[in-house]
Protein backbone atom coordinates (compact mmCIF):
# COMPACT_ATOMS: atom_id res chain seq x y z
CA UNK A 1 -4.25 12.07 -45.60
CA UNK A 2 -5.76 9.30 -43.44
CA UNK A 3 -7.62 10.16 -40.26
CA UNK A 4 -5.39 8.55 -37.64
CA UNK A 5 -5.62 8.82 -33.90
CA UNK A 6 -2.55 9.09 -31.72
CA UNK A 7 -3.33 5.77 -30.03
CA UNK A 8 -5.13 3.74 -32.69
CA UNK A 9 -6.30 3.85 -36.31
CA UNK A 10 -9.67 5.40 -37.02
CA UNK A 11 -12.33 2.68 -37.49
CA UNK A 12 -13.38 1.85 -41.01
CA UNK A 13 -16.95 1.52 -42.33
CA UNK A 14 -17.37 -2.08 -41.12
CA UNK A 15 -15.98 -1.26 -37.67
CA UNK A 16 -18.31 1.75 -37.36
CA UNK A 17 -21.32 -0.37 -38.30
CA UNK A 18 -20.25 -3.00 -35.79
CA UNK A 19 -19.84 -0.39 -33.03
CA UNK A 20 -23.28 1.04 -33.78
CA UNK A 21 -24.83 -2.44 -33.63
CA UNK A 22 -23.12 -3.10 -30.28
CA UNK A 23 -24.41 0.21 -28.93
CA UNK A 24 -27.97 -0.50 -30.07
CA UNK A 25 -27.84 -4.01 -28.57
CA UNK A 26 -26.55 -2.69 -25.25
CA UNK A 27 -29.25 0.00 -25.08
CA UNK A 28 -31.90 -2.59 -25.92
CA UNK A 29 -30.71 -4.92 -23.15
CA UNK A 30 -30.54 -1.99 -20.73
CA UNK A 31 -34.08 -0.87 -21.61
CA UNK A 32 -35.38 -4.43 -21.28
CA UNK A 33 -33.72 -4.86 -17.88
CA UNK A 34 -35.08 -1.52 -16.66
CA UNK A 35 -38.58 -2.44 -17.83
CA UNK A 36 -38.41 -5.80 -16.04
CA UNK A 37 -37.16 -4.20 -12.83
CA UNK A 38 -39.83 -1.48 -12.83
CA UNK A 39 -42.50 -4.08 -13.57
CA UNK A 40 -41.42 -6.21 -10.63
CA UNK A 41 -41.32 -3.21 -8.31
CA UNK A 42 -44.76 -2.14 -9.48
CA UNK A 43 -46.16 -5.62 -8.84
CA UNK A 44 -44.76 -5.50 -5.31
CA UNK A 45 -46.31 -2.09 -4.74
CA UNK A 46 -42.97 -0.35 -4.17
CA UNK A 47 -43.75 2.38 -6.70
CA UNK A 48 -47.06 3.40 -5.16
CA UNK A 49 -47.32 7.08 -4.33
CA UNK A 50 -48.24 6.28 -0.73
CA UNK A 51 -44.74 4.95 -0.10
CA UNK A 52 -43.02 8.05 -1.51
CA UNK A 53 -45.50 10.63 -0.27
CA UNK A 54 -44.05 11.05 3.28
CA UNK A 55 -40.82 12.48 1.83
CA UNK A 56 -42.82 15.26 0.13
CA UNK A 57 -45.69 15.93 2.52
CA UNK A 58 -44.59 14.91 6.03
CA UNK A 59 -41.87 17.22 7.35
CA UNK A 60 -41.32 14.94 10.37
CA UNK A 61 -39.54 12.45 8.11
CA UNK A 62 -36.83 15.06 7.57
CA UNK A 63 -36.78 16.93 10.86
CA UNK A 64 -37.04 13.84 13.08
CA UNK A 65 -35.06 11.23 11.17
CA UNK A 66 -33.11 12.13 8.03
CA UNK A 67 -31.64 15.55 8.81
CA UNK A 68 -30.52 14.57 12.36
CA UNK A 69 -29.01 11.41 10.87
CA UNK A 70 -27.20 13.46 8.23
CA UNK A 71 -25.90 15.77 10.95
CA UNK A 72 -24.52 12.86 12.98
CA UNK A 73 -22.95 11.38 9.86
CA UNK A 74 -21.21 14.69 9.12
CA UNK A 75 -20.03 15.01 12.73
CA UNK A 76 -18.47 11.54 12.80
CA UNK A 77 -16.95 11.90 9.32
CA UNK A 78 -15.67 15.43 9.98
CA UNK A 79 -13.99 14.51 13.26
CA UNK A 80 -12.45 11.41 11.67
CA UNK A 81 -11.05 13.45 8.77
CA UNK A 82 -9.63 16.15 11.03
CA UNK A 83 -7.77 13.58 13.11
CA UNK A 84 -6.88 10.99 10.46
CA UNK A 85 -5.32 13.41 7.95
CA UNK A 86 -2.54 14.83 10.17
CA UNK A 87 -2.03 11.48 11.91
CA UNK A 88 -1.69 9.72 8.56
CA UNK A 89 0.77 12.36 7.37
CA UNK A 90 2.90 11.89 10.50
CA UNK A 91 2.88 8.11 10.13
CA UNK A 92 3.75 8.37 6.44
CA UNK A 93 6.65 10.72 7.14
CA UNK A 94 7.73 8.44 9.98
CA UNK A 95 7.93 5.50 7.58
CA UNK A 96 10.31 7.56 5.45
CA UNK A 97 12.61 8.40 8.34
CA UNK A 98 16.29 7.49 8.19
CA UNK A 99 16.18 6.42 11.87
CA UNK A 100 15.07 2.84 12.40
CA UNK A 101 13.65 3.60 15.84
CA UNK A 102 11.17 5.96 14.12
CA UNK A 103 10.63 3.99 10.93
CA UNK A 104 10.00 0.60 12.58
CA UNK A 105 7.25 1.65 15.05
CA UNK A 106 5.52 3.74 12.39
CA UNK A 107 5.57 0.80 9.98
CA UNK A 108 4.27 -1.58 12.65
CA UNK A 109 1.37 0.73 13.50
CA UNK A 110 0.43 1.19 9.86
CA UNK A 111 0.56 -2.50 8.99
CA UNK A 112 -1.32 -3.54 12.14
CA UNK A 113 -4.30 -1.19 11.89
CA UNK A 114 -4.51 -1.44 8.10
CA UNK A 115 -4.93 -5.22 8.37
CA UNK A 116 -7.88 -5.10 10.83
CA UNK A 117 -11.43 -4.48 9.49
CA UNK A 118 -12.72 -1.07 10.47
CA UNK A 119 -15.86 -2.57 12.02
CA UNK A 120 -13.74 -4.69 14.36
CA UNK A 121 -11.80 -1.58 15.38
CA UNK A 122 -15.09 0.16 16.21
CA UNK A 123 -16.26 -2.77 18.33
CA UNK A 124 -12.95 -2.97 20.20
CA UNK A 125 -12.99 0.79 20.78
CA UNK A 126 -16.55 0.65 22.11
CA UNK A 127 -15.63 -2.07 24.61
CA UNK A 128 -12.46 -0.23 25.63
CA UNK A 129 -14.38 2.97 26.32
CA UNK A 130 -16.95 0.99 28.32
CA UNK A 131 -14.37 -0.84 30.47
CA UNK A 132 -11.59 1.66 31.00
CA UNK A 133 -13.07 5.14 30.65
CA UNK A 134 -15.86 7.25 32.08
CA UNK A 135 -17.27 8.21 28.68
CA UNK A 136 -21.03 8.60 28.94
CA UNK A 137 -23.09 5.82 27.39
CA UNK A 138 -24.97 8.27 25.16
CA UNK A 139 -21.84 9.51 23.35
CA UNK A 140 -19.84 6.28 23.49
CA UNK A 141 -20.95 5.15 19.98
CA UNK A 142 -19.63 8.41 18.51
CA UNK A 143 -16.27 7.94 20.24
CA UNK A 144 -16.07 4.34 19.04
CA UNK A 145 -16.98 5.19 15.44
CA UNK A 146 -14.46 8.04 15.26
CA UNK A 147 -11.73 5.94 16.88
CA UNK A 148 -12.21 3.04 14.47
CA UNK A 149 -12.32 5.32 11.44
CA UNK A 150 -9.23 7.25 12.55
CA UNK A 151 -7.09 4.18 13.26
CA UNK A 152 -7.90 2.48 9.98
CA UNK A 153 -7.92 5.46 7.64
CA UNK A 154 -4.83 7.09 9.16
CA UNK A 155 -2.95 3.89 8.35
CA UNK A 156 -4.18 3.93 4.76
CA UNK A 157 -3.45 7.65 4.39
CA UNK A 158 0.08 7.05 5.70
CA UNK A 159 0.73 4.76 2.74
CA UNK A 160 -0.75 7.36 0.39
CA UNK A 161 1.61 10.01 1.75
CA UNK A 162 4.61 7.68 1.57
CA UNK A 163 3.81 6.70 -2.02
CA UNK A 164 3.31 10.34 -3.02
CA UNK A 165 6.67 11.41 -1.64
CA UNK A 166 8.51 8.43 -3.13
CA UNK A 167 7.00 9.18 -6.55
CA UNK A 168 9.02 12.41 -6.77
CA UNK A 169 12.41 12.33 -8.54
CA UNK A 170 15.36 11.77 -6.21
CA UNK A 171 17.14 14.77 -7.66
CA UNK A 172 14.79 17.09 -5.83
CA UNK A 173 15.82 15.86 -2.40
CA UNK A 174 19.47 15.82 -3.52
CA UNK A 175 19.27 19.45 -4.62
CA UNK A 176 17.68 20.47 -1.33
CA UNK A 177 20.40 18.74 0.67
CA UNK A 178 23.10 20.27 -1.53
CA UNK A 179 22.10 23.78 -0.49
CA UNK A 180 22.15 22.87 3.19
CA UNK A 181 18.51 22.06 3.93
CA UNK A 182 17.94 19.58 6.73
CA UNK A 183 15.75 16.49 6.39
CA UNK A 184 12.75 18.17 7.99
CA UNK A 185 13.11 21.28 5.83
CA UNK A 186 13.40 19.18 2.70
CA UNK A 187 10.23 17.28 3.55
CA UNK A 188 8.26 20.36 4.63
CA UNK A 189 9.26 22.90 2.00
CA UNK A 190 10.21 20.79 -1.03
CA UNK A 191 8.74 17.28 -1.10
CA UNK A 192 5.34 17.49 0.58
CA UNK A 193 4.09 20.58 -1.30
CA UNK A 194 4.86 18.91 -4.60
CA UNK A 195 3.45 15.53 -3.58
CA UNK A 196 0.09 17.02 -2.57
CA UNK A 197 -1.24 17.23 -6.12
CA UNK A 198 -0.18 13.63 -6.81
CA UNK A 199 -1.77 12.41 -3.57
CA UNK A 200 -5.00 14.42 -3.80
CA UNK A 201 -7.11 11.92 -5.83
CA UNK A 202 -6.22 9.07 -3.47
CA UNK A 203 -6.82 11.28 -0.44
CA UNK A 204 -10.27 12.24 -1.69
CA UNK A 205 -11.14 8.60 -2.35
CA UNK A 206 -10.24 7.76 1.22
CA UNK A 207 -12.30 10.66 2.56
CA UNK A 208 -15.29 9.32 0.64
CA UNK A 209 -14.68 5.95 2.29
CA UNK A 210 -14.76 7.64 5.69
CA UNK A 211 -18.17 9.16 4.96
CA UNK A 212 -19.61 5.82 3.86
CA UNK A 213 -18.08 3.81 6.70
CA UNK A 214 -19.95 5.85 9.31
CA UNK A 215 -22.89 3.57 8.44
CA UNK A 216 -21.07 0.69 10.14
CA UNK A 217 -21.44 2.44 13.47
CA UNK A 218 -25.18 2.68 13.01
CA UNK A 219 -25.48 -0.99 12.08
CA UNK A 220 -23.47 -2.44 14.99
CA UNK A 221 -23.17 0.22 17.69
CA UNK A 222 -26.51 2.01 17.47
CA UNK A 223 -24.98 5.31 16.41
CA UNK A 224 -27.75 7.50 15.02
CA UNK A 225 -26.24 8.15 11.60
CA UNK A 226 -28.13 8.53 8.35
CA UNK A 227 -28.62 4.88 7.38
CA UNK A 228 -29.77 3.87 10.87
CA UNK A 229 -32.34 6.66 10.89
CA UNK A 230 -33.53 5.45 7.49
CA UNK A 231 -34.42 2.15 9.18
CA UNK A 232 -36.52 4.12 11.64
CA UNK A 233 -38.37 5.69 8.72
CA UNK A 234 -38.96 2.22 7.30
CA UNK A 235 -40.33 0.93 10.59
CA UNK A 236 -42.77 3.85 10.81
CA UNK A 237 -43.89 4.16 7.18
CA UNK A 238 -43.16 0.72 5.70
CA UNK A 239 -41.42 2.11 2.60
CA UNK A 240 -38.20 0.12 2.28
CA UNK A 241 -37.26 0.96 -1.30
CA UNK A 242 -38.22 4.62 -1.06
CA UNK A 243 -36.25 5.16 2.17
CA UNK A 244 -33.10 3.48 0.89
CA UNK A 245 -33.38 5.33 -2.43
CA UNK A 246 -33.64 8.72 -0.72
CA UNK A 247 -30.77 7.97 1.66
CA UNK A 248 -28.66 6.64 -1.21
CA UNK A 249 -29.29 9.87 -3.12
CA UNK A 250 -28.24 11.88 -0.05
CA UNK A 251 -24.96 9.94 0.17
CA UNK A 252 -24.37 10.49 -3.56
CA UNK A 253 -24.91 14.24 -3.24
CA UNK A 254 -22.70 14.43 -0.15
CA UNK A 255 -19.81 12.57 -1.75
CA UNK A 256 -20.25 14.48 -5.01
CA UNK A 257 -19.86 17.76 -3.13
CA UNK A 258 -16.74 16.40 -1.43
CA UNK A 259 -15.13 15.30 -4.69
CA UNK A 260 -16.12 18.55 -6.40
CA UNK A 261 -14.46 20.54 -3.64
CA UNK A 262 -11.33 18.43 -3.98
CA UNK A 263 -11.30 18.86 -7.76
CA UNK A 264 -11.63 22.62 -7.38
CA UNK A 265 -8.80 22.63 -4.85
CA UNK A 266 -6.58 20.51 -7.10
CA UNK A 267 -7.21 22.81 -10.05
CA UNK A 268 -6.45 25.85 -7.94
CA UNK A 269 -3.16 24.32 -6.78
CA UNK A 270 -2.15 23.44 -10.33
CA UNK A 271 -3.06 26.89 -11.65
CA UNK A 272 -1.08 28.49 -8.82
CA UNK A 273 2.02 26.49 -9.73
CA UNK A 274 2.04 27.64 -13.33
CA UNK A 275 0.72 31.17 -12.74
CA UNK A 276 4.09 32.85 -13.14
CA UNK A 277 7.33 32.22 -14.95
CA UNK A 278 9.40 34.81 -13.12
CA UNK A 279 12.70 33.74 -11.66
CA UNK A 280 13.02 34.79 -8.05
CA UNK A 281 16.10 34.62 -5.84
CA UNK A 282 15.80 33.26 -2.32
CA UNK A 283 18.47 32.90 0.32
CA UNK A 284 18.45 29.43 1.87
CA UNK A 285 20.40 27.96 4.81
CA UNK A 286 24.15 28.34 4.40
CA UNK A 287 23.84 31.68 2.60
CA UNK A 288 23.39 30.04 -0.80
CA UNK A 289 21.11 31.62 -3.37
CA UNK A 290 18.27 29.62 -4.88
CA UNK A 291 16.69 30.73 -8.10
CA UNK A 292 13.94 29.38 -10.24
CA UNK A 293 10.30 29.48 -11.03
CA UNK A 294 8.57 29.71 -7.66
CA UNK A 295 5.45 28.29 -9.24
CA UNK A 296 7.17 25.37 -10.91
CA UNK A 297 6.08 21.86 -9.96
CA UNK A 298 9.51 20.30 -9.65
CA UNK A 299 12.88 20.82 -8.13
CA UNK A 300 15.79 20.91 -10.51
CA UNK A 301 18.89 18.82 -10.18
CA UNK A 302 22.26 20.28 -9.51
CA UNK A 303 23.16 22.60 -12.31
CA UNK A 304 26.59 22.68 -13.90
CA UNK A 305 28.86 25.53 -12.92
CA UNK A 306 31.66 27.23 -14.70
CA UNK A 307 33.75 30.17 -13.61
CA UNK A 308 31.91 30.40 -10.27
CA UNK A 309 28.44 30.58 -11.84
CA UNK A 310 25.81 27.83 -11.43
CA UNK A 311 22.78 27.33 -13.61
CA UNK A 312 19.44 26.73 -11.93
CA UNK A 313 17.57 23.52 -12.65
CA UNK A 314 13.88 23.84 -13.46
CA UNK A 315 14.04 27.64 -13.25
CA UNK A 316 13.76 30.23 -15.94
CA UNK A 317 17.11 31.92 -15.65
CA UNK A 318 20.65 31.28 -14.51
CA UNK A 319 21.70 31.96 -10.98
CA UNK A 320 25.01 31.44 -9.22
CA UNK A 321 26.44 31.74 -5.80
CA UNK A 322 30.03 30.70 -5.67
CA UNK A 323 31.48 27.56 -7.17
CA UNK A 324 29.01 24.85 -8.00
CA UNK A 325 25.83 26.92 -7.75
CA UNK A 326 22.66 24.86 -7.18
CA UNK A 327 19.27 25.42 -8.82
CA UNK A 328 16.17 24.64 -6.75
CA UNK A 329 12.68 25.17 -8.07
CA UNK A 330 10.46 25.69 -5.05
CA UNK A 331 6.76 24.85 -5.28
């Protein structure tokens, strides 16, 4: 019996030899490029121990520059996330509204702020705070950075929420309405909980963007975030490559922790949805009974009924409540 993959045929002897030769050639080119780069850096003196030594022997590099910069980066990113996430959810739900007087303003806000570069939003916010508010000069860059990040990323997150909700089958909203749930109840208890797992990768990607975009405030507004403080290290120790390498590693670790947390949360949500197969009965608005797998990821369509008994959709057992019983699988 031939060794076949689901997607493609297993490579033969010639294809395997060709793949090995390609791999060896790529590794050779990579090694040659790495050797050339290291040689050039060594000739320029960027690999000398004196340029890397302050990060291991001088605690002032960390206590005076890098750790305070990391703290300010986390403050700006954390505040932006806390504000942008609920605001983006509200704008995304607003774009799904059946009322034009809600849908049109929400759409205009999203399209407007999504089209403007985030750096321009920060600059406008800084000038607005300077002209029309009494915000102290020392904290004005923080306000401007957070405002720019919130306006831009809330608009992007609104589209993520809208796309996540629209990706669900229409039968789920139909089933919720059939048992008497209002629009807000359908969105809150049926659609959004199921769309979270679909939206989570895109949400995490946008949160990573928020962390990285705090550097724009340091470059243009003088906000003392991590990258700006790295420039202060460079001006004091003259180690350009070493400083940028250390700060780049700090950003990598920070974003890795963020994505790891999101992956753990996504796995926990998915495990929770399939943790039980028991059919539970719940009374919903209108006195109608809903049955199904409470941990199931989808809402079933209207089940057929006969003799006053309806069959639940997506659940594990039949349930009926009067003629035309409806099955709803709650997340």
